[in-house]
N, C-alpha and C. Protein backbone atom coordinates (compact mmCIF):
# COMPACT_ATOMS: atom_id res chain seq x y z
N UNK A 1 0.84 -1.19 0.00
CA UNK A 1 0.00 0.00 0.00
C UNK A 1 0.89 1.25 0.00
N UNK A 2 0.56 2.19 -0.87
CA UNK A 2 1.35 3.41 -1.00
C UNK A 2 1.08 4.38 0.15
N UNK A 3 2.12 5.09 0.53
CA UNK A 3 2.00 6.08 1.61
C UNK A 3 1.23 7.30 1.10
N UNK A 4 0.30 7.80 1.93
CA UNK A 4 -0.48 8.99 1.59
C UNK A 4 0.37 10.22 1.88
N UNK A 5 0.38 11.15 0.91
CA UNK A 5 1.22 12.34 1.04
C UNK A 5 0.48 13.59 0.59
N UNK A 6 1.04 14.72 0.99
CA UNK A 6 0.65 16.02 0.47
C UNK A 6 1.81 16.50 -0.38
N UNK A 7 1.49 16.93 -1.59
CA UNK A 7 2.51 17.41 -2.51
C UNK A 7 2.45 18.93 -2.57
N UNK A 8 3.58 19.57 -2.31
CA UNK A 8 3.69 21.03 -2.35
C UNK A 8 4.47 21.40 -3.60
N UNK A 9 3.88 22.20 -4.47
CA UNK A 9 4.53 22.60 -5.72
C UNK A 9 4.68 24.12 -5.73
N UNK A 10 5.90 24.58 -5.99
CA UNK A 10 6.16 26.02 -5.96
C UNK A 10 7.37 26.36 -6.82
N UNK A 11 7.35 27.57 -7.33
CA UNK A 11 8.48 28.10 -8.09
C UNK A 11 9.41 28.84 -7.12
N UNK A 12 10.41 29.45 -7.68
CA UNK A 12 11.42 30.15 -6.88
C UNK A 12 10.92 31.52 -6.43
N UNK A 13 11.74 32.18 -5.63
CA UNK A 13 11.49 33.56 -5.22
C UNK A 13 10.30 33.70 -4.28
N UNK A 14 9.40 34.61 -4.65
CA UNK A 14 8.24 34.90 -3.81
C UNK A 14 7.29 33.72 -3.64
N UNK A 15 7.23 32.86 -4.65
CA UNK A 15 6.36 31.68 -4.55
C UNK A 15 6.91 30.72 -3.49
N UNK A 16 8.22 30.57 -3.46
CA UNK A 16 8.88 29.74 -2.44
C UNK A 16 8.68 30.36 -1.06
N UNK A 17 8.86 31.67 -0.96
CA UNK A 17 8.71 32.36 0.33
C UNK A 17 7.29 32.18 0.88
N UNK A 18 6.30 32.29 0.00
CA UNK A 18 4.91 32.10 0.43
C UNK A 18 4.67 30.67 0.90
N UNK A 19 5.23 29.70 0.18
CA UNK A 19 5.08 28.30 0.58
C UNK A 19 5.73 28.05 1.93
N UNK A 20 6.88 28.64 2.14
CA UNK A 20 7.58 28.47 3.42
C UNK A 20 6.74 29.02 4.58
N UNK A 21 6.12 30.18 4.36
CA UNK A 21 5.23 30.76 5.38
C UNK A 21 4.02 29.85 5.62
N UNK A 22 3.45 29.34 4.55
CA UNK A 22 2.30 28.44 4.66
C UNK A 22 2.67 27.20 5.47
N UNK A 23 3.81 26.62 5.17
CA UNK A 23 4.25 25.42 5.89
C UNK A 23 4.45 25.70 7.37
N UNK A 24 4.93 26.88 7.70
CA UNK A 24 5.10 27.27 9.10
C UNK A 24 3.74 27.28 9.81
N UNK A 25 2.72 27.80 9.13
CA UNK A 25 1.37 27.84 9.72
C UNK A 25 0.76 26.45 9.82
N UNK A 26 1.01 25.61 8.83
CA UNK A 26 0.39 24.28 8.79
C UNK A 26 1.12 23.26 9.65
N UNK A 27 2.34 23.53 9.97
CA UNK A 27 3.19 22.53 10.61
C UNK A 27 3.14 22.59 12.14
N UNK A 28 1.96 22.83 12.68
CA UNK A 28 1.84 22.74 14.13
C UNK A 28 1.04 21.49 14.48
N UNK A 29 1.12 21.06 15.70
CA UNK A 29 0.52 19.78 16.09
C UNK A 29 -1.00 19.75 15.98
N UNK A 30 -1.66 20.89 15.94
CA UNK A 30 -3.11 20.94 15.83
C UNK A 30 -3.58 20.76 14.38
N UNK A 31 -2.70 20.96 13.45
CA UNK A 31 -3.07 20.88 12.04
C UNK A 31 -3.33 19.42 11.64
N UNK A 32 -4.42 19.18 10.87
CA UNK A 32 -4.72 17.81 10.43
C UNK A 32 -3.65 17.24 9.51
N UNK A 33 -2.85 18.10 8.88
CA UNK A 33 -1.82 17.58 7.98
C UNK A 33 -0.48 17.37 8.68
N UNK A 34 -0.42 17.68 9.95
CA UNK A 34 0.84 17.55 10.69
C UNK A 34 1.43 16.15 10.57
N UNK A 35 0.58 15.15 10.64
CA UNK A 35 1.06 13.76 10.65
C UNK A 35 1.32 13.20 9.25
N UNK A 36 0.82 13.88 8.22
CA UNK A 36 1.01 13.36 6.86
C UNK A 36 2.40 13.69 6.33
N UNK A 37 2.92 12.80 5.54
CA UNK A 37 4.21 13.03 4.90
C UNK A 37 4.06 14.13 3.86
N UNK A 38 5.07 14.99 3.79
CA UNK A 38 5.07 16.09 2.83
C UNK A 38 6.19 15.87 1.83
N UNK A 39 5.85 16.04 0.54
CA UNK A 39 6.86 15.98 -0.51
C UNK A 39 6.73 17.26 -1.33
N UNK A 40 7.79 17.61 -2.06
CA UNK A 40 7.72 18.86 -2.81
C UNK A 40 8.24 18.72 -4.22
N UNK A 41 7.68 19.57 -5.08
CA UNK A 41 8.17 19.79 -6.44
C UNK A 41 8.64 21.24 -6.46
N UNK A 42 9.86 21.46 -6.86
CA UNK A 42 10.41 22.81 -6.89
C UNK A 42 11.29 22.95 -8.12
N UNK A 43 11.76 24.16 -8.38
CA UNK A 43 12.64 24.36 -9.53
C UNK A 43 13.85 25.21 -9.14
N UNK A 44 14.88 25.14 -9.97
CA UNK A 44 16.09 25.95 -9.82
C UNK A 44 16.80 25.78 -8.49
N UNK A 45 16.75 24.60 -7.91
CA UNK A 45 17.47 24.34 -6.66
C UNK A 45 16.91 25.08 -5.46
N UNK A 46 15.72 25.64 -5.60
CA UNK A 46 15.14 26.51 -4.56
C UNK A 46 14.21 25.71 -3.64
N UNK A 47 14.76 24.67 -3.00
CA UNK A 47 13.94 23.80 -2.16
C UNK A 47 13.80 24.35 -0.74
N UNK A 48 12.83 23.78 -0.02
CA UNK A 48 12.58 24.14 1.38
C UNK A 48 13.09 23.00 2.24
N UNK A 49 13.98 23.31 3.16
CA UNK A 49 14.63 22.29 3.99
C UNK A 49 13.67 21.45 4.81
N UNK A 50 12.57 22.03 5.30
CA UNK A 50 11.68 21.31 6.21
C UNK A 50 10.92 20.17 5.54
N UNK A 51 10.88 20.13 4.21
CA UNK A 51 10.23 19.03 3.49
C UNK A 51 11.30 18.00 3.18
N UNK A 52 11.12 16.80 3.73
CA UNK A 52 12.21 15.83 3.63
C UNK A 52 12.38 15.20 2.25
N UNK A 53 11.29 14.98 1.52
CA UNK A 53 11.39 14.36 0.20
C UNK A 53 11.12 15.43 -0.86
N UNK A 54 12.12 15.65 -1.70
CA UNK A 54 12.06 16.75 -2.66
C UNK A 54 12.34 16.23 -4.08
N UNK A 55 11.61 16.81 -5.03
CA UNK A 55 11.81 16.49 -6.44
C UNK A 55 11.99 17.79 -7.21
N UNK A 56 13.09 17.90 -7.92
CA UNK A 56 13.34 19.12 -8.69
C UNK A 56 12.81 18.96 -10.10
N UNK A 57 12.04 19.95 -10.53
CA UNK A 57 11.53 19.99 -11.90
C UNK A 57 12.35 20.96 -12.72
N UNK A 58 12.50 20.70 -14.00
CA UNK A 58 13.18 21.68 -14.84
C UNK A 58 12.32 22.94 -14.95
N UNK A 59 12.91 24.11 -14.96
CA UNK A 59 12.11 25.34 -15.08
C UNK A 59 11.41 25.42 -16.43
N UNK A 60 10.16 25.83 -16.40
CA UNK A 60 9.39 25.95 -17.64
C UNK A 60 9.27 27.40 -18.10
N UNK A 61 9.00 28.26 -17.17
CA UNK A 61 8.68 29.64 -17.50
C UNK A 61 9.94 30.47 -17.68
N UNK A 62 9.95 31.26 -18.72
CA UNK A 62 10.99 32.26 -18.91
C UNK A 62 10.33 33.62 -18.71
N UNK A 63 10.79 34.38 -17.74
CA UNK A 63 10.15 35.65 -17.39
C UNK A 63 10.25 36.69 -18.50
N UNK A 64 11.14 36.48 -19.45
CA UNK A 64 11.42 37.52 -20.42
C UNK A 64 10.84 37.26 -21.81
N UNK A 65 10.63 35.99 -22.17
CA UNK A 65 10.05 35.72 -23.49
C UNK A 65 9.06 34.57 -23.44
N UNK A 66 7.96 34.75 -24.12
CA UNK A 66 6.94 33.70 -24.20
C UNK A 66 7.41 32.56 -25.09
N UNK A 67 8.20 32.88 -26.10
CA UNK A 67 8.70 31.84 -27.01
C UNK A 67 9.55 30.83 -26.25
N UNK A 68 10.44 31.32 -25.37
CA UNK A 68 11.28 30.41 -24.58
C UNK A 68 10.42 29.56 -23.66
N UNK A 69 9.37 30.13 -23.10
CA UNK A 69 8.47 29.38 -22.24
C UNK A 69 7.82 28.24 -23.03
N UNK A 70 7.33 28.55 -24.21
CA UNK A 70 6.69 27.53 -25.05
C UNK A 70 7.69 26.43 -25.41
N UNK A 71 8.89 26.83 -25.79
CA UNK A 71 9.93 25.85 -26.13
C UNK A 71 10.31 24.99 -24.93
N UNK A 72 10.37 25.61 -23.74
CA UNK A 72 10.67 24.85 -22.51
C UNK A 72 9.58 23.83 -22.23
N UNK A 73 8.34 24.23 -22.38
CA UNK A 73 7.22 23.31 -22.13
C UNK A 73 7.30 22.11 -23.08
N UNK A 74 7.55 22.40 -24.34
CA UNK A 74 7.64 21.32 -25.33
C UNK A 74 8.81 20.40 -25.03
N UNK A 75 9.97 20.97 -24.74
CA UNK A 75 11.17 20.16 -24.56
C UNK A 75 11.23 19.44 -23.21
N UNK A 76 10.57 19.97 -22.19
CA UNK A 76 10.68 19.40 -20.86
C UNK A 76 9.48 18.55 -20.44
N UNK A 77 8.39 18.56 -21.21
CA UNK A 77 7.17 17.85 -20.81
C UNK A 77 7.40 16.36 -20.55
N UNK A 78 8.17 15.71 -21.40
CA UNK A 78 8.42 14.28 -21.22
C UNK A 78 9.12 14.01 -19.88
N UNK A 79 10.15 14.80 -19.56
CA UNK A 79 10.87 14.64 -18.29
C UNK A 79 9.94 14.84 -17.10
N UNK A 80 9.09 15.85 -17.22
CA UNK A 80 8.18 16.17 -16.11
C UNK A 80 7.15 15.05 -15.92
N UNK A 81 6.56 14.58 -16.99
CA UNK A 81 5.58 13.50 -16.89
C UNK A 81 6.23 12.24 -16.34
N UNK A 82 7.44 11.96 -16.74
CA UNK A 82 8.18 10.82 -16.20
C UNK A 82 8.38 10.97 -14.68
N UNK A 83 8.74 12.17 -14.25
CA UNK A 83 8.90 12.44 -12.82
C UNK A 83 7.57 12.30 -12.07
N UNK A 84 6.49 12.82 -12.63
CA UNK A 84 5.17 12.72 -12.00
C UNK A 84 4.72 11.27 -11.91
N UNK A 85 5.01 10.48 -12.93
CA UNK A 85 4.69 9.04 -12.89
C UNK A 85 5.46 8.34 -11.77
N UNK A 86 6.71 8.70 -11.60
CA UNK A 86 7.53 8.13 -10.53
C UNK A 86 6.90 8.43 -9.16
N UNK A 87 6.48 9.68 -8.97
CA UNK A 87 5.84 10.07 -7.71
C UNK A 87 4.54 9.29 -7.53
N UNK A 88 3.74 9.17 -8.59
CA UNK A 88 2.45 8.46 -8.52
C UNK A 88 2.64 6.98 -8.17
N UNK A 89 3.69 6.37 -8.70
CA UNK A 89 3.95 4.96 -8.40
C UNK A 89 4.37 4.76 -6.94
N UNK A 90 5.07 5.72 -6.40
CA UNK A 90 5.60 5.59 -5.05
C UNK A 90 4.64 6.05 -3.96
N UNK A 91 3.81 7.07 -4.26
CA UNK A 91 2.96 7.68 -3.25
C UNK A 91 1.51 7.80 -3.71
N UNK A 92 0.62 7.90 -2.73
CA UNK A 92 -0.77 8.23 -2.97
C UNK A 92 -0.92 9.71 -2.64
N UNK A 93 -0.88 10.55 -3.66
CA UNK A 93 -0.94 12.00 -3.45
C UNK A 93 -2.40 12.39 -3.21
N UNK A 94 -2.72 12.73 -1.98
CA UNK A 94 -4.09 13.07 -1.59
C UNK A 94 -4.42 14.52 -1.90
N UNK A 95 -3.43 15.41 -1.68
CA UNK A 95 -3.64 16.84 -1.87
C UNK A 95 -2.41 17.43 -2.53
N UNK A 96 -2.63 18.32 -3.48
CA UNK A 96 -1.55 19.10 -4.06
C UNK A 96 -1.81 20.55 -3.70
N UNK A 97 -0.86 21.18 -3.04
CA UNK A 97 -0.97 22.59 -2.66
C UNK A 97 0.10 23.35 -3.42
N UNK A 98 -0.32 24.42 -4.10
CA UNK A 98 0.64 25.20 -4.88
C UNK A 98 0.48 26.69 -4.64
N UNK A 99 1.62 27.36 -4.67
CA UNK A 99 1.66 28.82 -4.63
C UNK A 99 2.10 29.35 -5.99
N UNK A 100 2.18 28.48 -6.99
CA UNK A 100 2.56 28.89 -8.34
C UNK A 100 4.06 28.97 -8.51
N UNK A 101 4.55 29.43 -9.53
CA UNK A 101 3.80 29.90 -10.69
C UNK A 101 3.59 28.72 -11.64
N UNK A 102 4.17 28.80 -12.83
CA UNK A 102 3.91 27.82 -13.87
C UNK A 102 4.20 26.38 -13.51
N UNK A 103 5.02 26.16 -12.51
CA UNK A 103 5.37 24.79 -12.09
C UNK A 103 4.14 23.98 -11.70
N UNK A 104 3.08 24.64 -11.32
CA UNK A 104 1.92 23.93 -10.77
C UNK A 104 0.98 23.32 -11.80
N UNK A 105 0.98 23.80 -13.03
CA UNK A 105 -0.05 23.39 -13.97
C UNK A 105 0.03 21.92 -14.39
N UNK A 106 1.16 21.44 -14.87
CA UNK A 106 1.25 20.03 -15.28
C UNK A 106 0.99 19.06 -14.13
N UNK A 107 1.61 19.27 -12.95
CA UNK A 107 1.28 18.37 -11.83
C UNK A 107 -0.19 18.41 -11.44
N UNK A 108 -0.81 19.58 -11.52
CA UNK A 108 -2.23 19.70 -11.19
C UNK A 108 -3.08 18.85 -12.12
N UNK A 109 -2.90 19.00 -13.40
CA UNK A 109 -3.69 18.23 -14.37
C UNK A 109 -3.41 16.73 -14.21
N UNK A 110 -2.15 16.39 -14.09
CA UNK A 110 -1.75 14.99 -13.96
C UNK A 110 -2.41 14.34 -12.74
N UNK A 111 -2.24 14.94 -11.56
CA UNK A 111 -2.75 14.30 -10.34
C UNK A 111 -4.25 14.44 -10.18
N UNK A 112 -4.83 15.52 -10.64
CA UNK A 112 -6.29 15.69 -10.52
C UNK A 112 -7.03 14.63 -11.32
N UNK A 113 -6.57 14.37 -12.54
CA UNK A 113 -7.31 13.47 -13.42
C UNK A 113 -6.81 12.03 -13.40
N UNK A 114 -5.58 11.79 -12.97
CA UNK A 114 -5.08 10.41 -12.94
C UNK A 114 -5.05 9.83 -11.53
N UNK A 115 -5.25 10.67 -10.52
CA UNK A 115 -5.13 10.19 -9.15
C UNK A 115 -6.27 10.71 -8.26
N UNK A 116 -7.17 11.51 -8.82
CA UNK A 116 -8.27 12.09 -8.06
C UNK A 116 -7.78 12.91 -6.86
N UNK A 117 -6.68 13.61 -7.04
CA UNK A 117 -6.07 14.44 -6.00
C UNK A 117 -6.84 15.75 -5.86
N UNK A 118 -7.01 16.21 -4.63
CA UNK A 118 -7.61 17.52 -4.36
C UNK A 118 -6.54 18.59 -4.60
N UNK A 119 -6.94 19.68 -5.25
CA UNK A 119 -6.01 20.74 -5.62
C UNK A 119 -6.34 22.01 -4.84
N UNK A 120 -5.33 22.57 -4.18
CA UNK A 120 -5.45 23.83 -3.46
C UNK A 120 -4.41 24.79 -4.03
N UNK A 121 -4.88 25.98 -4.41
CA UNK A 121 -3.98 26.97 -4.99
C UNK A 121 -4.08 28.28 -4.22
N UNK A 122 -2.93 28.89 -3.98
CA UNK A 122 -2.87 30.19 -3.32
C UNK A 122 -2.33 31.21 -4.33
N UNK A 123 -3.17 32.17 -4.69
CA UNK A 123 -2.76 33.19 -5.66
C UNK A 123 -1.65 34.05 -5.06
N UNK A 124 -0.82 34.58 -5.95
CA UNK A 124 0.32 35.38 -5.54
C UNK A 124 -0.09 36.66 -4.81
N UNK A 125 0.72 37.07 -3.86
CA UNK A 125 0.45 38.28 -3.08
C UNK A 125 0.63 39.56 -3.90
N UNK A 126 1.29 39.45 -5.03
CA UNK A 126 1.61 40.65 -5.82
C UNK A 126 0.44 41.13 -6.68
N UNK A 127 -0.64 40.39 -6.71
CA UNK A 127 -1.80 40.78 -7.52
C UNK A 127 -2.86 41.44 -6.66
N UNK A 128 -3.37 42.59 -7.17
CA UNK A 128 -4.44 43.30 -6.48
C UNK A 128 -5.64 43.54 -7.39
N UNK A 129 -5.39 43.86 -8.66
CA UNK A 129 -6.44 44.25 -9.59
C UNK A 129 -6.52 43.39 -10.85
N UNK A 130 -5.53 42.54 -11.07
CA UNK A 130 -5.51 41.70 -12.27
C UNK A 130 -5.21 40.26 -11.90
N UNK A 131 -5.62 39.36 -12.78
CA UNK A 131 -5.35 37.93 -12.59
C UNK A 131 -3.95 37.61 -13.11
N UNK A 132 -3.29 36.68 -12.45
CA UNK A 132 -2.02 36.17 -12.98
C UNK A 132 -2.36 35.09 -14.01
N UNK A 133 -1.43 34.81 -14.91
CA UNK A 133 -1.67 33.76 -15.90
C UNK A 133 -1.89 32.42 -15.21
N UNK A 134 -1.04 32.10 -14.24
CA UNK A 134 -1.20 30.84 -13.52
C UNK A 134 -2.53 30.82 -12.77
N UNK A 135 -2.89 31.94 -12.16
CA UNK A 135 -4.16 32.04 -11.45
C UNK A 135 -5.35 31.76 -12.34
N UNK A 136 -5.33 32.32 -13.56
CA UNK A 136 -6.42 32.09 -14.52
C UNK A 136 -6.59 30.60 -14.78
N UNK A 137 -5.48 29.89 -14.96
CA UNK A 137 -5.54 28.46 -15.27
C UNK A 137 -5.88 27.64 -14.02
N UNK A 138 -5.23 27.94 -12.91
CA UNK A 138 -5.44 27.16 -11.69
C UNK A 138 -6.84 27.35 -11.12
N UNK A 139 -7.46 28.51 -11.35
CA UNK A 139 -8.81 28.76 -10.88
C UNK A 139 -9.77 27.73 -11.48
N UNK A 140 -9.51 27.35 -12.70
CA UNK A 140 -10.34 26.36 -13.39
C UNK A 140 -10.17 24.96 -12.78
N UNK A 141 -8.96 24.58 -12.41
CA UNK A 141 -8.68 23.22 -11.95
C UNK A 141 -8.76 23.02 -10.43
N UNK A 142 -8.67 24.09 -9.67
CA UNK A 142 -8.57 23.98 -8.21
C UNK A 142 -9.88 23.60 -7.55
N UNK A 143 -9.77 22.81 -6.48
CA UNK A 143 -10.92 22.53 -5.63
C UNK A 143 -11.11 23.66 -4.63
N UNK A 144 -10.00 24.25 -4.20
CA UNK A 144 -10.00 25.42 -3.31
C UNK A 144 -9.01 26.42 -3.90
N UNK A 145 -9.43 27.68 -4.02
CA UNK A 145 -8.61 28.72 -4.62
C UNK A 145 -8.61 29.92 -3.67
N UNK A 146 -7.47 30.21 -3.09
CA UNK A 146 -7.36 31.27 -2.09
C UNK A 146 -6.71 32.51 -2.68
N UNK A 147 -7.26 33.68 -2.30
CA UNK A 147 -6.69 34.95 -2.73
C UNK A 147 -6.25 35.75 -1.50
N UNK A 148 -5.14 36.50 -1.63
CA UNK A 148 -4.62 37.24 -0.48
C UNK A 148 -5.24 38.62 -0.29
N UNK A 149 -5.99 39.11 -1.29
CA UNK A 149 -6.57 40.46 -1.23
C UNK A 149 -8.05 40.39 -1.58
N UNK A 150 -8.87 41.11 -0.83
CA UNK A 150 -10.32 41.10 -1.06
C UNK A 150 -10.67 41.59 -2.46
N UNK A 151 -9.85 42.46 -3.02
CA UNK A 151 -10.13 42.98 -4.37
C UNK A 151 -10.14 41.87 -5.42
N UNK A 152 -9.49 40.74 -5.15
CA UNK A 152 -9.44 39.63 -6.11
C UNK A 152 -10.70 38.76 -6.07
N UNK A 153 -11.50 38.90 -5.03
CA UNK A 153 -12.72 38.08 -4.93
C UNK A 153 -13.66 38.31 -6.11
N UNK A 154 -13.70 39.54 -6.61
CA UNK A 154 -14.59 39.83 -7.74
C UNK A 154 -14.02 39.30 -9.07
N UNK A 155 -12.71 39.08 -9.13
CA UNK A 155 -12.10 38.58 -10.36
C UNK A 155 -12.15 37.05 -10.45
N UNK A 156 -12.00 36.41 -9.32
CA UNK A 156 -12.02 34.94 -9.27
C UNK A 156 -13.29 34.53 -8.55
N UNK A 157 -14.27 34.08 -9.29
CA UNK A 157 -15.62 33.85 -8.75
C UNK A 157 -15.70 32.78 -7.65
N UNK A 158 -14.90 31.72 -7.73
CA UNK A 158 -14.99 30.67 -6.71
C UNK A 158 -13.84 30.76 -5.69
N UNK A 159 -13.31 31.97 -5.54
CA UNK A 159 -12.17 32.14 -4.64
C UNK A 159 -12.61 32.34 -3.18
N UNK A 160 -11.64 32.12 -2.31
CA UNK A 160 -11.83 32.27 -0.87
C UNK A 160 -10.77 33.27 -0.39
N UNK A 161 -11.20 34.25 0.36
CA UNK A 161 -10.25 35.23 0.89
C UNK A 161 -9.48 34.61 2.06
N UNK A 162 -8.17 34.63 1.95
CA UNK A 162 -7.34 34.07 3.02
C UNK A 162 -6.51 35.13 3.72
N UNK A 163 -6.34 36.28 3.09
CA UNK A 163 -5.41 37.28 3.60
C UNK A 163 -3.99 36.85 3.26
N UNK A 164 -3.05 37.73 3.55
CA UNK A 164 -1.65 37.40 3.29
C UNK A 164 -1.13 36.53 4.42
N UNK A 165 -0.21 35.66 4.08
CA UNK A 165 0.40 34.80 5.11
C UNK A 165 1.36 35.60 5.94
């Protein structure tokens, strides 16, 4: 029988910082996820020490050109799907929690439809009046979608206000 886990997926920089804050809040003895094993998907060597099992994904998004992003997605998709299959064979991923950015989309689709995993997404703190690209996509796939600012509630119809971490 496979071990039940929570998968945390996050990109570098502010997305990693937000995930680290979230883990601090969730990692107390009263939290229902305290006893569950945590694994992570991260990119660019930007892992969080407190998660014992870590998987590095190749970076997909290029902040400066859309063409490079598209080329990265095409060239890296096979590696990523192979990695996700490895995780699926080893673990029963019950929940995927992501703070974005683009790293979250392929794992979300993969685990939601092939493993019936619940998806939780936390929109970036840097958005107040506009949707992020990842937010637009994750809003569609997420079971729970949290926004840090009340102004985003009108943009994301099924969102939940969480405040900033």
